N, C-alpha and C. Protein backbone atom coordinates (compact mmCIF):
# COMPACT_ATOMS: atom_id res chain seq x y z
N UNK A 1 -68.23 1.82 -51.53
CA UNK A 1 -69.34 2.22 -52.38
C UNK A 1 -69.51 1.21 -53.51
N UNK A 2 -70.74 1.00 -53.88
CA UNK A 2 -71.03 0.06 -54.96
C UNK A 2 -71.71 0.81 -56.11
N UNK A 3 -71.52 0.30 -57.30
CA UNK A 3 -72.10 0.93 -58.47
C UNK A 3 -73.60 0.74 -58.49
N UNK A 4 -74.31 1.84 -58.67
CA UNK A 4 -75.76 1.81 -58.77
C UNK A 4 -76.20 1.71 -60.23
N UNK A 5 -75.56 2.51 -61.10
CA UNK A 5 -75.94 2.49 -62.52
C UNK A 5 -74.86 3.14 -63.37
N UNK A 6 -74.71 2.60 -64.57
CA UNK A 6 -73.84 3.26 -65.54
C UNK A 6 -74.65 4.35 -66.24
N UNK A 7 -74.09 5.54 -66.31
CA UNK A 7 -74.78 6.68 -66.90
C UNK A 7 -74.34 6.92 -68.34
N UNK A 8 -73.02 6.88 -68.57
CA UNK A 8 -72.48 7.08 -69.92
C UNK A 8 -71.47 5.98 -70.22
N UNK A 9 -71.54 5.47 -71.44
CA UNK A 9 -70.52 4.52 -71.89
C UNK A 9 -69.55 5.27 -72.81
N UNK A 10 -68.64 4.55 -73.41
CA UNK A 10 -67.62 5.16 -74.27
C UNK A 10 -68.23 5.99 -75.41
N UNK A 11 -69.23 5.44 -76.07
CA UNK A 11 -69.85 6.15 -77.20
C UNK A 11 -70.60 7.39 -76.73
N UNK A 12 -71.28 7.30 -75.61
CA UNK A 12 -72.02 8.46 -75.09
C UNK A 12 -71.07 9.58 -74.67
N UNK A 13 -69.93 9.23 -74.12
CA UNK A 13 -68.92 10.23 -73.76
C UNK A 13 -68.40 10.90 -75.02
N UNK A 14 -68.12 10.12 -76.05
CA UNK A 14 -67.63 10.69 -77.32
C UNK A 14 -68.66 11.64 -77.93
N UNK A 15 -69.94 11.25 -77.87
CA UNK A 15 -71.00 12.13 -78.40
C UNK A 15 -71.09 13.42 -77.61
N UNK A 16 -70.97 13.33 -76.28
CA UNK A 16 -71.02 14.52 -75.43
C UNK A 16 -69.86 15.46 -75.75
N UNK A 17 -68.68 14.90 -75.95
CA UNK A 17 -67.51 15.71 -76.28
C UNK A 17 -67.71 16.40 -77.63
N UNK A 18 -68.24 15.70 -78.61
CA UNK A 18 -68.51 16.29 -79.91
C UNK A 18 -69.51 17.43 -79.79
N UNK A 19 -70.57 17.23 -79.03
CA UNK A 19 -71.59 18.27 -78.85
C UNK A 19 -71.00 19.50 -78.16
N UNK A 20 -70.22 19.28 -77.10
CA UNK A 20 -69.59 20.39 -76.39
C UNK A 20 -68.64 21.15 -77.31
N UNK A 21 -67.88 20.42 -78.13
CA UNK A 21 -66.96 21.06 -79.07
C UNK A 21 -67.71 21.99 -80.01
N UNK A 22 -68.82 21.52 -80.57
CA UNK A 22 -69.62 22.35 -81.47
C UNK A 22 -70.18 23.57 -80.73
N UNK A 23 -70.64 23.38 -79.50
CA UNK A 23 -71.20 24.49 -78.72
C UNK A 23 -70.14 25.55 -78.41
N UNK A 24 -68.93 25.12 -78.09
CA UNK A 24 -67.85 26.07 -77.82
C UNK A 24 -67.56 26.90 -79.08
N UNK A 25 -67.48 26.24 -80.20
CA UNK A 25 -67.21 26.94 -81.47
C UNK A 25 -68.33 27.92 -81.79
N UNK A 26 -69.58 27.48 -81.65
CA UNK A 26 -70.72 28.34 -81.97
C UNK A 26 -70.80 29.54 -81.05
N UNK A 27 -70.69 29.30 -79.76
CA UNK A 27 -70.83 30.40 -78.79
C UNK A 27 -69.75 31.45 -78.96
N UNK A 28 -68.55 31.02 -79.31
CA UNK A 28 -67.42 31.94 -79.42
C UNK A 28 -67.14 32.39 -80.85
N UNK A 29 -68.02 32.02 -81.76
CA UNK A 29 -67.89 32.39 -83.18
C UNK A 29 -66.50 32.02 -83.71
N UNK A 30 -66.13 30.77 -83.45
CA UNK A 30 -64.81 30.28 -83.84
C UNK A 30 -63.96 30.07 -82.59
N UNK A 31 -62.66 29.87 -82.82
CA UNK A 31 -61.77 29.54 -81.70
C UNK A 31 -60.57 30.47 -81.58
N UNK A 32 -60.55 31.52 -82.42
CA UNK A 32 -59.36 32.38 -82.48
C UNK A 32 -59.00 33.03 -81.15
N UNK A 33 -59.97 33.36 -80.34
CA UNK A 33 -59.69 34.05 -79.07
C UNK A 33 -59.84 33.12 -77.86
N UNK A 34 -59.90 31.81 -78.10
CA UNK A 34 -60.17 30.85 -77.03
C UNK A 34 -58.93 30.05 -76.63
N UNK A 35 -58.94 29.64 -75.37
CA UNK A 35 -57.95 28.68 -74.88
C UNK A 35 -58.66 27.70 -73.96
N UNK A 36 -58.48 26.41 -74.20
CA UNK A 36 -59.04 25.37 -73.35
C UNK A 36 -58.05 25.12 -72.21
N UNK A 37 -58.56 25.11 -70.97
CA UNK A 37 -57.70 24.85 -69.81
C UNK A 37 -58.33 23.71 -69.01
N UNK A 38 -57.68 22.55 -69.04
CA UNK A 38 -58.16 21.39 -68.31
C UNK A 38 -57.75 21.46 -66.85
N UNK A 39 -58.70 21.14 -65.96
CA UNK A 39 -58.41 21.07 -64.53
C UNK A 39 -57.97 19.64 -64.24
N UNK A 40 -56.75 19.50 -63.71
CA UNK A 40 -56.20 18.17 -63.48
C UNK A 40 -57.13 17.37 -62.59
N UNK A 41 -57.31 16.14 -62.82
CA UNK A 41 -56.64 15.26 -63.75
C UNK A 41 -57.55 14.95 -64.93
N UNK A 42 -58.75 14.54 -64.67
CA UNK A 42 -59.61 14.13 -65.78
C UNK A 42 -60.07 15.29 -66.65
N UNK A 43 -60.11 16.49 -66.09
CA UNK A 43 -60.42 17.67 -66.90
C UNK A 43 -59.38 17.91 -67.97
N UNK A 44 -58.14 17.57 -67.66
CA UNK A 44 -57.06 17.69 -68.64
C UNK A 44 -57.27 16.72 -69.80
N UNK A 45 -57.67 15.50 -69.47
CA UNK A 45 -57.93 14.51 -70.53
C UNK A 45 -59.11 14.95 -71.40
N UNK A 46 -60.15 15.47 -70.76
CA UNK A 46 -61.30 15.95 -71.52
C UNK A 46 -60.93 17.14 -72.40
N UNK A 47 -60.10 18.04 -71.88
CA UNK A 47 -59.66 19.20 -72.67
C UNK A 47 -58.86 18.74 -73.90
N UNK A 48 -58.02 17.73 -73.72
CA UNK A 48 -57.26 17.19 -74.86
C UNK A 48 -58.20 16.63 -75.92
N UNK A 49 -59.21 15.89 -75.48
CA UNK A 49 -60.16 15.31 -76.44
C UNK A 49 -60.98 16.40 -77.12
N UNK A 50 -61.39 17.41 -76.35
CA UNK A 50 -62.12 18.53 -76.94
C UNK A 50 -61.26 19.25 -77.98
N UNK A 51 -59.99 19.46 -77.64
CA UNK A 51 -59.07 20.13 -78.56
C UNK A 51 -58.94 19.34 -79.87
N UNK A 52 -58.83 18.03 -79.76
CA UNK A 52 -58.73 17.19 -80.96
C UNK A 52 -59.99 17.31 -81.80
N UNK A 53 -61.14 17.26 -81.13
CA UNK A 53 -62.42 17.33 -81.86
C UNK A 53 -62.61 18.70 -82.50
N UNK A 54 -62.27 19.76 -81.78
CA UNK A 54 -62.38 21.11 -82.32
C UNK A 54 -61.47 21.29 -83.52
N UNK A 55 -60.26 20.73 -83.45
CA UNK A 55 -59.35 20.83 -84.59
C UNK A 55 -59.91 20.09 -85.80
N UNK A 56 -60.56 18.94 -85.58
CA UNK A 56 -61.19 18.22 -86.68
C UNK A 56 -62.29 19.05 -87.32
N UNK A 57 -63.05 19.76 -86.51
CA UNK A 57 -64.17 20.55 -87.01
C UNK A 57 -63.69 21.84 -87.68
N UNK A 58 -62.78 22.54 -87.03
CA UNK A 58 -62.34 23.86 -87.49
C UNK A 58 -61.17 23.81 -88.47
N UNK A 59 -60.44 22.71 -88.48
CA UNK A 59 -59.30 22.60 -89.38
C UNK A 59 -58.05 23.31 -88.88
N UNK A 60 -58.06 23.73 -87.63
CA UNK A 60 -56.89 24.36 -87.02
C UNK A 60 -56.92 24.09 -85.52
N UNK A 61 -55.74 24.11 -84.89
CA UNK A 61 -55.70 23.79 -83.47
C UNK A 61 -56.20 24.94 -82.60
N UNK A 62 -56.72 24.58 -81.43
CA UNK A 62 -57.11 25.56 -80.42
C UNK A 62 -56.01 25.59 -79.36
N UNK A 63 -55.77 26.75 -78.79
CA UNK A 63 -54.79 26.85 -77.71
C UNK A 63 -55.29 26.04 -76.52
N UNK A 64 -54.35 25.46 -75.76
CA UNK A 64 -54.77 24.66 -74.61
C UNK A 64 -53.71 24.69 -73.52
N UNK A 65 -54.14 24.33 -72.32
CA UNK A 65 -53.24 24.24 -71.18
C UNK A 65 -53.89 23.41 -70.11
N UNK A 66 -53.19 23.27 -68.99
CA UNK A 66 -53.76 22.53 -67.87
C UNK A 66 -53.42 23.24 -66.57
N UNK A 67 -54.21 22.94 -65.56
CA UNK A 67 -54.14 23.66 -64.30
C UNK A 67 -54.29 22.67 -63.16
N UNK A 68 -53.42 22.77 -62.18
CA UNK A 68 -53.58 22.01 -60.94
C UNK A 68 -53.98 23.02 -59.87
N UNK A 69 -55.17 22.86 -59.33
CA UNK A 69 -55.71 23.85 -58.41
C UNK A 69 -55.52 23.48 -56.94
N UNK A 70 -54.69 22.48 -56.67
CA UNK A 70 -54.54 21.98 -55.31
C UNK A 70 -54.32 23.10 -54.29
N UNK A 71 -53.40 24.00 -54.54
CA UNK A 71 -53.08 25.03 -53.55
C UNK A 71 -54.11 26.15 -53.50
N UNK A 72 -55.07 26.15 -54.40
CA UNK A 72 -56.11 27.17 -54.40
C UNK A 72 -57.39 26.70 -53.70
N UNK A 73 -57.42 25.44 -53.32
CA UNK A 73 -58.64 24.90 -52.72
C UNK A 73 -58.87 25.48 -51.34
N UNK A 74 -60.14 25.75 -51.00
CA UNK A 74 -60.45 26.27 -49.68
C UNK A 74 -60.55 25.16 -48.63
N UNK A 75 -60.50 23.90 -49.07
CA UNK A 75 -60.54 22.78 -48.14
C UNK A 75 -59.19 22.07 -48.05
N UNK A 76 -58.12 22.77 -48.40
CA UNK A 76 -56.79 22.18 -48.44
C UNK A 76 -56.40 21.60 -47.08
N UNK A 77 -56.68 22.32 -46.01
CA UNK A 77 -56.29 21.83 -44.68
C UNK A 77 -57.10 20.60 -44.28
N UNK A 78 -58.31 20.47 -44.78
CA UNK A 78 -59.13 19.29 -44.48
C UNK A 78 -58.65 18.07 -45.25
N UNK A 79 -58.26 18.27 -46.51
CA UNK A 79 -57.86 17.15 -47.35
C UNK A 79 -56.45 16.66 -47.06
N UNK A 80 -55.60 17.54 -46.57
CA UNK A 80 -54.18 17.21 -46.39
C UNK A 80 -53.74 17.47 -44.94
N UNK A 81 -54.45 16.88 -43.98
CA UNK A 81 -54.17 17.13 -42.57
C UNK A 81 -52.75 16.76 -42.17
N UNK A 82 -52.29 15.61 -42.61
CA UNK A 82 -51.00 15.11 -42.14
C UNK A 82 -49.90 15.15 -43.19
N UNK A 83 -50.12 15.87 -44.26
CA UNK A 83 -49.09 15.91 -45.30
C UNK A 83 -49.11 17.26 -45.99
N UNK A 84 -47.97 17.63 -46.51
CA UNK A 84 -47.88 18.85 -47.29
C UNK A 84 -48.47 18.58 -48.67
N UNK A 85 -49.24 19.51 -49.21
CA UNK A 85 -49.79 19.31 -50.55
C UNK A 85 -48.69 19.39 -51.59
N UNK A 86 -48.89 18.66 -52.67
CA UNK A 86 -47.93 18.70 -53.76
C UNK A 86 -48.17 19.94 -54.61
N UNK A 87 -47.12 20.67 -54.87
CA UNK A 87 -47.21 21.81 -55.77
C UNK A 87 -46.94 21.28 -57.16
N UNK A 88 -47.94 21.33 -58.02
CA UNK A 88 -47.76 20.83 -59.37
C UNK A 88 -47.78 22.00 -60.33
N UNK A 89 -47.14 21.82 -61.42
CA UNK A 89 -46.93 22.87 -62.40
C UNK A 89 -48.22 23.27 -63.11
N UNK A 90 -48.34 24.57 -63.32
CA UNK A 90 -49.38 25.07 -64.20
C UNK A 90 -48.78 25.04 -65.60
N UNK A 91 -49.43 24.34 -66.49
CA UNK A 91 -48.88 24.18 -67.83
C UNK A 91 -49.75 24.93 -68.83
N UNK A 92 -49.61 26.25 -68.83
CA UNK A 92 -50.30 27.09 -69.79
C UNK A 92 -49.22 27.95 -70.43
N UNK A 93 -48.84 27.61 -71.64
CA UNK A 93 -47.74 28.28 -72.31
C UNK A 93 -48.19 29.54 -73.04
N UNK A 94 -49.47 29.84 -73.02
CA UNK A 94 -50.01 30.95 -73.78
C UNK A 94 -50.45 32.07 -72.84
N UNK A 95 -50.38 33.28 -73.30
CA UNK A 95 -50.86 34.42 -72.55
C UNK A 95 -52.39 34.37 -72.55
N UNK A 96 -52.99 34.37 -71.38
CA UNK A 96 -54.44 34.27 -71.30
C UNK A 96 -55.13 35.64 -71.27
N UNK A 97 -54.35 36.70 -71.16
CA UNK A 97 -54.95 38.04 -71.11
C UNK A 97 -55.75 38.30 -72.38
N UNK A 98 -56.98 38.78 -72.17
CA UNK A 98 -57.92 39.11 -73.25
C UNK A 98 -58.34 37.89 -74.07
N UNK A 99 -58.14 36.69 -73.56
CA UNK A 99 -58.61 35.46 -74.22
C UNK A 99 -59.88 34.98 -73.52
N UNK A 100 -60.63 34.17 -74.23
CA UNK A 100 -61.78 33.48 -73.63
C UNK A 100 -61.25 32.15 -73.11
N UNK A 101 -61.15 32.02 -71.81
CA UNK A 101 -60.64 30.80 -71.19
C UNK A 101 -61.82 29.86 -70.94
N UNK A 102 -61.73 28.66 -71.50
CA UNK A 102 -62.76 27.65 -71.27
C UNK A 102 -62.17 26.63 -70.31
N UNK A 103 -62.57 26.71 -69.04
CA UNK A 103 -62.15 25.71 -68.06
C UNK A 103 -62.88 24.41 -68.36
N UNK A 104 -62.18 23.29 -68.24
CA UNK A 104 -62.77 21.98 -68.55
C UNK A 104 -62.56 21.06 -67.36
N UNK A 105 -63.65 20.46 -66.88
CA UNK A 105 -63.56 19.52 -65.77
C UNK A 105 -64.51 18.36 -66.02
N UNK A 106 -64.33 17.28 -65.25
CA UNK A 106 -65.18 16.11 -65.45
C UNK A 106 -66.54 16.26 -64.78
N UNK A 107 -66.57 16.67 -63.50
CA UNK A 107 -67.83 16.74 -62.75
C UNK A 107 -67.94 18.10 -62.07
N UNK A 108 -69.09 18.73 -62.22
CA UNK A 108 -69.41 19.95 -61.48
C UNK A 108 -70.34 19.55 -60.34
N UNK A 109 -69.91 19.84 -59.12
CA UNK A 109 -70.67 19.45 -57.94
C UNK A 109 -70.94 20.70 -57.10
N UNK A 110 -70.12 20.99 -56.11
CA UNK A 110 -70.36 22.13 -55.23
C UNK A 110 -69.95 23.45 -55.85
N UNK A 111 -69.03 23.42 -56.79
CA UNK A 111 -68.52 24.63 -57.42
C UNK A 111 -67.19 25.08 -56.84
N UNK A 112 -66.72 24.42 -55.80
CA UNK A 112 -65.48 24.85 -55.14
C UNK A 112 -64.24 24.61 -56.00
N UNK A 113 -64.21 23.53 -56.75
CA UNK A 113 -63.07 23.29 -57.66
C UNK A 113 -63.02 24.37 -58.73
N UNK A 114 -64.16 24.73 -59.27
CA UNK A 114 -64.21 25.75 -60.31
C UNK A 114 -63.80 27.10 -59.74
N UNK A 115 -64.24 27.43 -58.54
CA UNK A 115 -63.84 28.68 -57.91
C UNK A 115 -62.33 28.73 -57.75
N UNK A 116 -61.74 27.63 -57.31
CA UNK A 116 -60.29 27.56 -57.15
C UNK A 116 -59.59 27.72 -58.51
N UNK A 117 -60.15 27.10 -59.54
CA UNK A 117 -59.56 27.21 -60.88
C UNK A 117 -59.64 28.65 -61.40
N UNK A 118 -60.75 29.32 -61.13
CA UNK A 118 -60.86 30.72 -61.55
C UNK A 118 -59.83 31.59 -60.83
N UNK A 119 -59.61 31.33 -59.55
CA UNK A 119 -58.57 32.07 -58.81
C UNK A 119 -57.20 31.84 -59.44
N UNK A 120 -56.90 30.60 -59.79
CA UNK A 120 -55.61 30.27 -60.40
C UNK A 120 -55.46 30.96 -61.76
N UNK A 121 -56.52 30.97 -62.56
CA UNK A 121 -56.48 31.62 -63.86
C UNK A 121 -56.25 33.12 -63.70
N UNK A 122 -56.93 33.74 -62.75
CA UNK A 122 -56.79 35.17 -62.55
C UNK A 122 -55.38 35.54 -62.10
N UNK A 123 -54.69 34.62 -61.43
CA UNK A 123 -53.30 34.87 -61.05
C UNK A 123 -52.37 34.87 -62.26
N UNK A 124 -52.82 34.29 -63.37
CA UNK A 124 -51.99 34.21 -64.57
C UNK A 124 -52.21 35.36 -65.53
N UNK A 125 -53.31 36.08 -65.38
CA UNK A 125 -53.62 37.17 -66.29
C UNK A 125 -55.09 37.54 -66.18
N UNK A 126 -55.52 38.41 -67.07
CA UNK A 126 -56.92 38.85 -67.04
C UNK A 126 -57.60 38.46 -68.34
N UNK A 127 -58.28 37.30 -68.32
CA UNK A 127 -58.99 36.87 -69.53
C UNK A 127 -60.18 37.78 -69.80
N UNK A 128 -60.62 37.83 -71.05
CA UNK A 128 -61.81 38.61 -71.39
C UNK A 128 -63.07 37.91 -70.86
N UNK A 129 -62.98 36.60 -70.71
CA UNK A 129 -64.12 35.82 -70.25
C UNK A 129 -63.63 34.46 -69.76
N UNK A 130 -64.33 33.93 -68.75
CA UNK A 130 -64.07 32.55 -68.33
C UNK A 130 -65.36 31.78 -68.52
N UNK A 131 -65.28 30.68 -69.25
CA UNK A 131 -66.42 29.81 -69.48
C UNK A 131 -66.10 28.45 -68.86
N UNK A 132 -67.12 27.65 -68.66
CA UNK A 132 -66.94 26.35 -68.02
C UNK A 132 -67.59 25.25 -68.84
N UNK A 133 -66.81 24.20 -69.14
CA UNK A 133 -67.31 23.01 -69.82
C UNK A 133 -67.10 21.82 -68.90
N UNK A 134 -68.17 21.06 -68.67
CA UNK A 134 -68.07 19.87 -67.82
C UNK A 134 -68.74 18.69 -68.50
N UNK A 135 -68.22 17.52 -68.24
CA UNK A 135 -68.86 16.31 -68.76
C UNK A 135 -70.16 16.04 -68.02
N UNK A 136 -70.13 16.19 -66.68
CA UNK A 136 -71.29 15.90 -65.84
C UNK A 136 -71.58 17.07 -64.91
N UNK A 137 -72.84 17.48 -64.85
CA UNK A 137 -73.30 18.44 -63.84
C UNK A 137 -74.26 17.69 -62.94
N UNK A 138 -73.86 17.52 -61.68
CA UNK A 138 -74.68 16.72 -60.78
C UNK A 138 -75.48 17.53 -59.78
N UNK A 139 -75.39 18.86 -59.85
CA UNK A 139 -76.16 19.69 -58.93
C UNK A 139 -75.47 19.86 -57.59
N UNK A 140 -76.23 20.32 -56.59
CA UNK A 140 -75.77 20.51 -55.21
C UNK A 140 -74.75 21.64 -55.06
N UNK A 141 -74.95 22.73 -55.78
CA UNK A 141 -74.01 23.84 -55.73
C UNK A 141 -73.98 24.49 -54.36
N UNK A 142 -72.78 24.83 -53.91
CA UNK A 142 -72.57 25.61 -52.70
C UNK A 142 -72.18 27.04 -53.05
N UNK A 143 -71.78 27.26 -54.29
CA UNK A 143 -71.37 28.57 -54.77
C UNK A 143 -72.18 28.89 -56.03
N UNK A 144 -72.37 30.16 -56.34
CA UNK A 144 -73.18 30.53 -57.52
C UNK A 144 -72.40 30.35 -58.82
N UNK A 145 -72.19 29.11 -59.19
CA UNK A 145 -71.42 28.76 -60.39
C UNK A 145 -72.27 27.84 -61.25
N UNK A 146 -72.25 28.09 -62.56
CA UNK A 146 -72.98 27.22 -63.48
C UNK A 146 -72.08 26.93 -64.68
N UNK A 147 -72.32 25.81 -65.30
CA UNK A 147 -71.55 25.43 -66.48
C UNK A 147 -72.17 26.05 -67.73
N UNK A 148 -71.31 26.48 -68.64
CA UNK A 148 -71.76 26.99 -69.93
C UNK A 148 -72.01 25.86 -70.92
N UNK A 149 -71.24 24.78 -70.77
CA UNK A 149 -71.33 23.63 -71.67
C UNK A 149 -71.37 22.36 -70.82
N UNK A 150 -72.42 21.55 -70.99
CA UNK A 150 -72.61 20.36 -70.15
C UNK A 150 -72.83 19.15 -71.04
N UNK A 151 -72.06 18.08 -70.77
CA UNK A 151 -72.28 16.83 -71.48
C UNK A 151 -73.57 16.17 -71.06
N UNK A 152 -73.81 16.09 -69.75
CA UNK A 152 -75.04 15.47 -69.25
C UNK A 152 -75.32 16.00 -67.85
N UNK A 153 -76.57 16.36 -67.61
CA UNK A 153 -77.03 16.71 -66.27
C UNK A 153 -77.51 15.44 -65.59
N UNK A 154 -76.98 15.15 -64.41
CA UNK A 154 -77.36 13.97 -63.67
C UNK A 154 -77.73 14.39 -62.25
N UNK A 155 -79.03 14.57 -61.98
CA UNK A 155 -79.43 14.91 -60.61
C UNK A 155 -79.06 13.75 -59.68
N UNK A 156 -78.44 14.08 -58.57
CA UNK A 156 -78.00 13.05 -57.63
C UNK A 156 -78.41 13.44 -56.22
N UNK A 157 -78.36 12.48 -55.33
CA UNK A 157 -78.48 12.81 -53.91
C UNK A 157 -77.08 13.07 -53.38
N UNK A 158 -77.00 13.71 -52.24
CA UNK A 158 -75.67 14.02 -51.70
C UNK A 158 -74.95 12.76 -51.22
N UNK A 159 -75.67 11.67 -51.05
CA UNK A 159 -75.04 10.41 -50.64
C UNK A 159 -74.43 9.66 -51.83
N UNK A 160 -74.88 10.00 -53.02
CA UNK A 160 -74.36 9.33 -54.21
C UNK A 160 -73.06 9.98 -54.66
N UNK A 161 -72.30 9.23 -55.43
CA UNK A 161 -71.03 9.71 -55.95
C UNK A 161 -70.97 9.41 -57.44
N UNK A 162 -70.52 10.38 -58.22
CA UNK A 162 -70.34 10.18 -59.65
C UNK A 162 -68.89 9.73 -59.86
N UNK A 163 -68.71 8.63 -60.55
CA UNK A 163 -67.37 8.12 -60.83
C UNK A 163 -67.14 8.19 -62.34
N UNK A 164 -66.18 9.02 -62.72
CA UNK A 164 -65.82 9.17 -64.13
C UNK A 164 -64.53 8.38 -64.35
N UNK A 165 -64.56 7.49 -65.31
CA UNK A 165 -63.36 6.75 -65.68
C UNK A 165 -63.00 7.15 -67.11
N UNK A 166 -61.70 7.36 -67.30
CA UNK A 166 -61.22 7.74 -68.63
C UNK A 166 -60.09 6.82 -69.03
N UNK A 167 -60.06 6.54 -70.32
CA UNK A 167 -59.06 5.63 -70.87
C UNK A 167 -57.65 5.98 -70.43
N UNK A 168 -57.32 7.27 -70.44
CA UNK A 168 -55.96 7.73 -70.15
C UNK A 168 -55.51 7.40 -68.72
N UNK A 169 -56.43 7.35 -67.77
CA UNK A 169 -56.05 7.09 -66.38
C UNK A 169 -56.62 5.81 -65.80
N UNK A 170 -57.73 5.36 -66.37
CA UNK A 170 -58.45 4.22 -65.77
C UNK A 170 -58.58 3.02 -66.68
N UNK A 171 -58.15 3.16 -67.94
CA UNK A 171 -58.21 2.03 -68.85
C UNK A 171 -59.49 1.87 -69.62
N UNK A 172 -60.53 2.67 -69.28
CA UNK A 172 -61.78 2.62 -70.04
C UNK A 172 -62.52 3.94 -69.86
N UNK A 173 -63.53 4.17 -70.70
CA UNK A 173 -64.34 5.36 -70.66
C UNK A 173 -65.74 4.99 -70.18
N UNK A 174 -66.13 5.56 -69.05
CA UNK A 174 -67.50 5.37 -68.56
C UNK A 174 -67.77 6.29 -67.40
N UNK A 175 -69.03 6.54 -67.15
CA UNK A 175 -69.47 7.33 -66.01
C UNK A 175 -70.55 6.52 -65.30
N UNK A 176 -70.43 6.41 -63.99
CA UNK A 176 -71.38 5.63 -63.21
C UNK A 176 -71.74 6.37 -61.91
N UNK A 177 -72.89 6.02 -61.37
CA UNK A 177 -73.29 6.50 -60.04
C UNK A 177 -73.00 5.40 -59.05
N UNK A 178 -72.36 5.77 -57.96
CA UNK A 178 -72.09 4.82 -56.88
C UNK A 178 -72.82 5.28 -55.63
N UNK A 179 -73.25 4.30 -54.81
CA UNK A 179 -73.89 4.61 -53.53
C UNK A 179 -73.20 3.89 -52.40
């Protein structure tokens, strides 16, 4: 695949994170009952950045955790035909019961990752609400799932691919469309 266009650069990603942070605070009337849960891998990095930004705005930290949804995926047998999937740790040290869980991911596409993440969260407790924050919403839903907080809507064709790069894993911050 080759890059078709850069959609977001480092500054645009930072602005989107700031906007999402403000929206989370406003919608939830503060952060006291909230916990940010990043979906591995890039969702975790975004959740960390959101947590930092929210703490700057609110003057206190927000609860946070991370989730690996590998074993909850409905396409596990397709993705891992010749190998056993890795069981990775769920790192949520806080009780999520009666909390507003804000799932954080980089790209919302079919909705299957989010469905798997919701299943994983429900196995940990019964939150009062589950919300979804994504950097990119590219459309093409297969499940009735929508994001509550979106950095940027990018309509795409099913042949295109959104590539999110983050400093923590890729050495730079950018979002591009590849064909």
